[in-house]
Amino acid sequence: MANIIGPAFNVTGINYNEVSVRDATEAFVSDIFAKILNSAQGDELFKEDKLIPESNAEKWIKEWINVEYANLLTQKSLKPLVNQIVKSFPPER
């Protein structure tokens, strides 16, 4: 199966009956952490006093980098969390 992790994946053309609980859980955890990272960057503690304001392209690239980082974080470091969530679902049939 293709890697569909992350909130930026294309939802058209996905057969949801073929998506495993693990893939959906990884996408869910990744999406949460990407939102946390994006939210943190918008916090006053992380903003710098800039002479030139951030452009929309810079903001978009930072958000995209956060999505990719969250994907890697989920796949590498958050396996225990993903496993715990997967265990809470009934067995796949």
Protein backbone atom coordinates (compact mmCIF):
# COMPACT_ATOMS: atom_id res chain seq x y z
CA MET A 1 0.00 0.00 0.00
CA ALA A 2 1.21 3.51 -0.73
CA ASN A 3 2.30 5.69 2.15
CA ILE A 4 -0.71 7.89 2.92
CA ILE A 5 0.54 9.34 6.18
CA GLY A 6 -0.17 12.95 7.00
CA PRO A 7 -2.84 15.57 6.64
CA ALA A 8 -1.56 16.69 3.25
CA PHE A 9 -2.28 13.42 1.47
CA ASN A 10 -4.71 13.41 -1.42
CA VAL A 11 -8.01 11.93 -0.26
CA THR A 12 -9.46 11.52 -3.75
CA GLY A 13 -8.85 8.10 -5.19
CA ILE A 14 -8.30 6.40 -1.83
CA ASN A 15 -10.31 3.24 -1.28
CA TYR A 16 -11.14 3.63 2.41
CA ASN A 17 -11.96 -0.08 2.69
CA GLU A 18 -8.29 -0.82 1.97
CA VAL A 19 -6.84 1.59 4.55
CA SER A 20 -5.68 -0.31 7.61
CA VAL A 21 -6.35 0.80 11.16
CA ARG A 22 -2.58 1.32 11.59
CA ASP A 23 -2.35 3.61 8.53
CA ALA A 24 -5.37 5.62 9.67
CA THR A 25 -3.98 5.86 13.22
CA GLU A 26 -0.58 7.02 11.99
CA ALA A 27 -2.27 9.65 9.82
CA PHE A 28 -4.35 10.77 12.82
CA VAL A 29 -1.36 11.04 15.19
CA SER A 30 0.70 12.78 12.52
CA ASP A 31 -2.08 15.29 11.87
CA ILE A 32 -2.35 16.12 15.58
CA PHE A 33 1.39 16.72 15.94
CA ALA A 34 1.53 18.82 12.75
CA LYS A 35 -1.25 21.01 14.17
CA ILE A 36 0.64 21.32 17.46
CA LEU A 37 3.83 22.35 15.66
CA ASN A 38 1.99 24.87 13.47
CA SER A 39 0.20 26.27 16.50
CA ALA A 40 3.46 26.62 18.42
CA GLN A 41 5.05 28.57 15.58
CA GLY A 42 2.19 31.05 15.72
CA ASP A 43 2.69 31.63 19.46
CA GLU A 44 4.17 34.95 20.58
CA LEU A 45 7.08 33.17 22.26
CA PHE A 46 8.29 31.85 18.89
CA LYS A 47 7.77 34.97 16.84
CA GLU A 48 10.74 37.15 16.12
CA ASP A 49 10.61 40.89 15.72
CA LYS A 50 10.99 40.99 11.95
CA LEU A 51 11.59 44.08 9.89
CA ILE A 52 9.96 42.36 6.91
CA PRO A 53 6.76 40.38 7.63
CA GLU A 54 6.61 36.69 6.76
CA SER A 55 5.13 36.03 3.32
CA ASN A 56 2.33 33.56 2.65
CA ALA A 57 4.81 31.31 0.84
CA GLU A 58 7.12 31.24 3.88
CA LYS A 59 4.20 30.40 6.14
CA TRP A 60 3.04 27.62 3.80
CA ILE A 61 6.56 26.12 3.56
CA LYS A 62 6.92 26.13 7.36
CA GLU A 63 3.55 24.39 7.72
CA TRP A 64 4.56 21.82 5.08
CA ILE A 65 7.85 21.18 6.88
CA ASN A 66 5.90 20.67 10.12
CA VAL A 67 3.67 18.12 8.37
CA GLU A 68 6.70 16.22 7.11
CA TYR A 69 8.39 16.39 10.52
CA ALA A 70 5.22 15.12 12.19
CA ASN A 71 5.10 12.22 9.70
CA LEU A 72 8.69 11.25 10.54
CA LEU A 73 8.07 11.72 14.26
CA THR A 74 5.04 9.45 14.10
CA GLN A 75 6.85 6.74 12.15
CA LYS A 76 10.06 6.81 14.22
CA SER A 77 9.38 7.99 17.77
CA LEU A 78 5.66 7.71 18.37
CA LYS A 79 5.19 4.01 17.60
CA PRO A 80 4.20 3.27 21.24
CA LEU A 81 1.40 5.85 21.00
CA VAL A 82 0.26 4.50 17.63
CA ASN A 83 0.36 0.92 18.96
CA GLN A 84 -1.73 1.90 21.99
CA ILE A 85 -4.37 3.54 19.80
CA VAL A 86 -4.44 0.58 17.41
CA LYS A 87 -4.89 -1.82 20.35
CA SER A 88 -7.99 0.11 21.45
CA PHE A 89 -9.79 -0.84 18.19
CA PRO A 90 -11.47 -4.21 17.71
CA PRO A 91 -9.52 -6.66 15.53
CA GLU A 92 -9.74 -6.06 11.78
CA ARG A 93 -11.92 -8.47 9.87
